[in-house]
Amino acid sequence: MTTIDQAVEFFLDNRDIIPVYITPKGDYAVPVEQKKHLYLVIERQQQGIFLARLAPDLMRLELLAEEPAEDARAFIYRQLKQAGLAHF
């Protein structure tokens, strides 16, 4: 079972290349375990950071193009730092 710390570490290790999706609600989601549809979700309007299973048939995730994805990665990193989850 993947923990939030492991998911954050995976994001940090792959920060420059990890794909970023946007949920129908407008939050960011980055894949942590593709086969299990597990994503690290960062709320844009709130301060929530959580793990969620977002199966493609239930959740319509939209892949961000590279430039918006870069901005999203920076936002995600700031949120993780602010929450005390980004240790480097």
N, C-alpha and C. Protein backbone atom coordinates (compact mmCIF):
# COMPACT_ATOMS: atom_id res chain seq x y z
N MET A 1 0.84 -1.18 0.00
CA MET A 1 0.00 0.00 0.00
C MET A 1 0.88 1.25 0.00
N THR A 2 0.59 2.15 -0.89
CA THR A 2 1.36 3.38 -1.03
C THR A 2 0.88 4.42 -0.01
N THR A 3 1.83 5.06 0.65
CA THR A 3 1.50 6.11 1.61
C THR A 3 1.61 7.47 0.93
N ILE A 4 1.08 8.48 1.58
CA ILE A 4 1.17 9.83 1.04
C ILE A 4 2.63 10.26 0.93
N ASP A 5 3.47 9.88 1.90
CA ASP A 5 4.89 10.23 1.84
C ASP A 5 5.56 9.58 0.64
N GLN A 6 5.23 8.33 0.34
CA GLN A 6 5.79 7.66 -0.83
C GLN A 6 5.32 8.32 -2.12
N ALA A 7 4.07 8.72 -2.16
CA ALA A 7 3.54 9.39 -3.34
C ALA A 7 4.22 10.74 -3.55
N VAL A 8 4.43 11.47 -2.47
CA VAL A 8 5.13 12.76 -2.57
C VAL A 8 6.56 12.53 -3.03
N GLU A 9 7.23 11.55 -2.47
CA GLU A 9 8.59 11.23 -2.88
C GLU A 9 8.65 10.87 -4.37
N PHE A 10 7.68 10.10 -4.84
CA PHE A 10 7.62 9.74 -6.26
C PHE A 10 7.46 10.99 -7.11
N PHE A 11 6.58 11.90 -6.69
CA PHE A 11 6.40 13.16 -7.42
C PHE A 11 7.71 13.94 -7.45
N LEU A 12 8.36 14.09 -6.30
CA LEU A 12 9.59 14.87 -6.23
C LEU A 12 10.70 14.26 -7.08
N ASP A 13 10.78 12.93 -7.09
CA ASP A 13 11.81 12.26 -7.89
C ASP A 13 11.57 12.41 -9.39
N ASN A 14 10.33 12.61 -9.78
CA ASN A 14 9.96 12.67 -11.20
C ASN A 14 9.35 14.02 -11.59
N ARG A 15 9.59 15.01 -10.79
CA ARG A 15 8.91 16.30 -10.92
C ARG A 15 9.01 16.93 -12.31
N ASP A 16 10.13 16.78 -12.97
CA ASP A 16 10.31 17.43 -14.27
C ASP A 16 9.62 16.70 -15.42
N ILE A 17 9.26 15.44 -15.21
CA ILE A 17 8.71 14.65 -16.32
C ILE A 17 7.34 14.04 -16.05
N ILE A 18 6.88 14.09 -14.83
CA ILE A 18 5.63 13.42 -14.48
C ILE A 18 4.45 14.12 -15.17
N PRO A 19 3.55 13.34 -15.75
CA PRO A 19 2.37 13.96 -16.37
C PRO A 19 1.45 14.53 -15.30
N VAL A 20 0.78 15.60 -15.65
CA VAL A 20 -0.17 16.23 -14.73
C VAL A 20 -1.53 16.24 -15.40
N TYR A 21 -2.52 15.81 -14.65
CA TYR A 21 -3.90 15.80 -15.12
C TYR A 21 -4.71 16.80 -14.32
N ILE A 22 -5.81 17.23 -14.90
CA ILE A 22 -6.73 18.08 -14.18
C ILE A 22 -8.05 17.32 -14.07
N THR A 23 -8.64 17.37 -12.90
CA THR A 23 -9.89 16.67 -12.66
C THR A 23 -11.06 17.54 -13.14
N PRO A 24 -12.24 16.97 -13.29
CA PRO A 24 -13.40 17.78 -13.67
C PRO A 24 -13.67 18.93 -12.67
N LYS A 25 -13.27 18.74 -11.42
CA LYS A 25 -13.44 19.77 -10.39
C LYS A 25 -12.38 20.87 -10.49
N GLY A 26 -11.31 20.62 -11.28
CA GLY A 26 -10.26 21.61 -11.46
C GLY A 26 -9.03 21.40 -10.61
N ASP A 27 -8.95 20.28 -9.91
CA ASP A 27 -7.77 19.97 -9.08
C ASP A 27 -6.73 19.25 -9.92
N TYR A 28 -5.49 19.26 -9.45
CA TYR A 28 -4.41 18.56 -10.14
C TYR A 28 -4.27 17.14 -9.62
N ALA A 29 -3.93 16.24 -10.53
CA ALA A 29 -3.71 14.84 -10.16
C ALA A 29 -2.48 14.34 -10.91
N VAL A 30 -1.56 13.71 -10.17
CA VAL A 30 -0.38 13.11 -10.79
C VAL A 30 -0.38 11.62 -10.48
N PRO A 31 -0.07 10.80 -11.49
CA PRO A 31 -0.12 9.35 -11.29
C PRO A 31 0.98 8.87 -10.35
N VAL A 32 0.61 7.96 -9.47
CA VAL A 32 1.56 7.35 -8.55
C VAL A 32 1.72 5.88 -8.87
N GLU A 33 0.61 5.20 -9.09
CA GLU A 33 0.61 3.79 -9.50
C GLU A 33 -0.39 3.64 -10.64
N GLN A 34 0.12 3.60 -11.86
CA GLN A 34 -0.75 3.58 -13.04
C GLN A 34 -1.69 2.38 -13.05
N LYS A 35 -1.17 1.19 -12.76
CA LYS A 35 -2.00 -0.02 -12.84
C LYS A 35 -3.16 0.01 -11.86
N LYS A 36 -2.94 0.65 -10.72
CA LYS A 36 -4.00 0.72 -9.69
C LYS A 36 -4.79 2.01 -9.77
N HIS A 37 -4.47 2.87 -10.77
CA HIS A 37 -5.16 4.15 -10.95
C HIS A 37 -5.05 5.03 -9.71
N LEU A 38 -3.90 4.98 -9.05
CA LEU A 38 -3.69 5.75 -7.83
C LEU A 38 -3.00 7.07 -8.18
N TYR A 39 -3.58 8.15 -7.71
CA TYR A 39 -3.07 9.49 -8.01
C TYR A 39 -2.87 10.28 -6.73
N LEU A 40 -1.88 11.16 -6.77
CA LEU A 40 -1.71 12.18 -5.74
C LEU A 40 -2.52 13.37 -6.22
N VAL A 41 -3.50 13.78 -5.44
CA VAL A 41 -4.40 14.86 -5.83
C VAL A 41 -4.11 16.08 -4.96
N ILE A 42 -3.98 17.23 -5.63
CA ILE A 42 -3.72 18.49 -4.94
C ILE A 42 -4.86 19.43 -5.30
N GLU A 43 -5.62 19.82 -4.31
CA GLU A 43 -6.74 20.73 -4.56
C GLU A 43 -6.21 22.13 -4.86
N ARG A 44 -6.83 22.78 -5.82
CA ARG A 44 -6.40 24.11 -6.21
C ARG A 44 -7.08 25.21 -5.40
N GLN A 45 -8.33 25.00 -5.00
CA GLN A 45 -9.07 26.03 -4.27
C GLN A 45 -8.97 25.83 -2.75
N GLN A 46 -8.60 24.65 -2.33
CA GLN A 46 -8.46 24.33 -0.91
C GLN A 46 -6.99 23.98 -0.66
N GLN A 47 -6.69 23.46 0.50
CA GLN A 47 -5.32 23.06 0.79
C GLN A 47 -5.21 21.56 0.92
N GLY A 48 -6.15 20.82 0.35
CA GLY A 48 -6.14 19.37 0.48
C GLY A 48 -5.10 18.71 -0.42
N ILE A 49 -4.44 17.71 0.14
CA ILE A 49 -3.50 16.86 -0.58
C ILE A 49 -3.82 15.44 -0.14
N PHE A 50 -4.16 14.59 -1.10
CA PHE A 50 -4.57 13.24 -0.73
C PHE A 50 -4.31 12.26 -1.87
N LEU A 51 -4.38 10.98 -1.54
CA LEU A 51 -4.28 9.91 -2.53
C LEU A 51 -5.70 9.49 -2.90
N ALA A 52 -5.89 9.20 -4.19
CA ALA A 52 -7.22 8.77 -4.64
C ALA A 52 -7.08 7.80 -5.80
N ARG A 53 -8.00 6.85 -5.83
CA ARG A 53 -8.11 5.96 -6.99
C ARG A 53 -9.08 6.60 -7.97
N LEU A 54 -8.56 6.95 -9.13
CA LEU A 54 -9.35 7.65 -10.12
C LEU A 54 -9.41 6.79 -11.38
N ALA A 55 -10.32 5.84 -11.38
CA ALA A 55 -10.45 4.94 -12.52
C ALA A 55 -10.93 5.73 -13.75
N PRO A 56 -10.35 5.44 -14.91
CA PRO A 56 -10.70 6.20 -16.12
C PRO A 56 -12.19 6.15 -16.48
N ASP A 57 -12.84 5.04 -16.19
CA ASP A 57 -14.26 4.95 -16.54
C ASP A 57 -15.16 5.76 -15.59
N LEU A 58 -14.63 6.16 -14.45
CA LEU A 58 -15.41 6.96 -13.50
C LEU A 58 -15.00 8.43 -13.48
N MET A 59 -13.75 8.69 -13.76
CA MET A 59 -13.19 10.03 -13.67
C MET A 59 -12.64 10.44 -15.02
N ARG A 60 -13.07 11.55 -15.52
CA ARG A 60 -12.51 12.04 -16.79
C ARG A 60 -11.38 13.01 -16.48
N LEU A 61 -10.17 12.48 -16.50
CA LEU A 61 -8.99 13.30 -16.27
C LEU A 61 -8.50 13.85 -17.60
N GLU A 62 -8.12 15.10 -17.60
CA GLU A 62 -7.60 15.73 -18.81
C GLU A 62 -6.09 15.95 -18.63
N LEU A 63 -5.31 15.41 -19.55
CA LEU A 63 -3.85 15.59 -19.52
C LEU A 63 -3.52 17.02 -19.91
N LEU A 64 -2.72 17.68 -19.10
CA LEU A 64 -2.30 19.05 -19.40
C LEU A 64 -1.17 19.05 -20.42
N ALA A 65 -1.18 20.04 -21.30
CA ALA A 65 -0.07 20.25 -22.23
C ALA A 65 1.16 20.64 -21.42
N GLU A 66 2.32 20.61 -22.04
CA GLU A 66 3.58 20.78 -21.30
C GLU A 66 3.69 22.11 -20.56
N GLU A 67 3.35 23.22 -21.20
CA GLU A 67 3.51 24.51 -20.52
C GLU A 67 2.58 24.65 -19.31
N PRO A 68 1.29 24.34 -19.45
CA PRO A 68 0.45 24.37 -18.24
C PRO A 68 0.87 23.33 -17.21
N ALA A 69 1.41 22.20 -17.66
CA ALA A 69 1.87 21.17 -16.73
C ALA A 69 3.06 21.67 -15.91
N GLU A 70 3.94 22.46 -16.53
CA GLU A 70 5.08 23.02 -15.79
C GLU A 70 4.57 23.94 -14.68
N ASP A 71 3.60 24.78 -15.00
CA ASP A 71 3.01 25.66 -13.99
C ASP A 71 2.34 24.85 -12.88
N ALA A 72 1.65 23.78 -13.26
CA ALA A 72 0.98 22.92 -12.29
C ALA A 72 1.99 22.24 -11.38
N ARG A 73 3.09 21.75 -11.95
CA ARG A 73 4.14 21.11 -11.13
C ARG A 73 4.70 22.09 -10.11
N ALA A 74 4.90 23.33 -10.52
CA ALA A 74 5.41 24.35 -9.59
C ALA A 74 4.38 24.61 -8.48
N PHE A 75 3.12 24.68 -8.84
CA PHE A 75 2.05 24.88 -7.85
C PHE A 75 2.01 23.70 -6.88
N ILE A 76 2.08 22.49 -7.41
CA ILE A 76 2.05 21.28 -6.57
C ILE A 76 3.23 21.30 -5.61
N TYR A 77 4.42 21.62 -6.10
CA TYR A 77 5.60 21.65 -5.25
C TYR A 77 5.42 22.68 -4.12
N ARG A 78 4.91 23.85 -4.46
CA ARG A 78 4.68 24.88 -3.43
C ARG A 78 3.70 24.39 -2.37
N GLN A 79 2.63 23.74 -2.81
CA GLN A 79 1.64 23.22 -1.87
C GLN A 79 2.24 22.14 -0.97
N LEU A 80 3.05 21.27 -1.55
CA LEU A 80 3.70 20.22 -0.76
C LEU A 80 4.66 20.82 0.25
N LYS A 81 5.41 21.84 -0.16
CA LYS A 81 6.33 22.51 0.77
C LYS A 81 5.56 23.19 1.90
N GLN A 82 4.50 23.88 1.53
CA GLN A 82 3.70 24.58 2.53
C GLN A 82 3.10 23.60 3.54
N ALA A 83 2.74 22.41 3.08
CA ALA A 83 2.16 21.41 3.96
C ALA A 83 3.22 20.64 4.75
N GLY A 84 4.50 20.94 4.49
CA GLY A 84 5.59 20.24 5.19
C GLY A 84 5.85 18.85 4.68
N LEU A 85 5.42 18.55 3.44
CA LEU A 85 5.60 17.22 2.88
C LEU A 85 6.81 17.12 1.95
N ALA A 86 7.27 18.24 1.41
CA ALA A 86 8.43 18.24 0.52
C ALA A 86 9.68 18.51 1.36
N HIS A 87 10.48 17.48 1.52
CA HIS A 87 11.64 17.57 2.41
C HIS A 87 12.92 17.94 1.70
N PHE A 88 12.85 18.12 0.37
CA PHE A 88 14.05 18.56 -0.37
C PHE A 88 13.66 19.30 -1.60
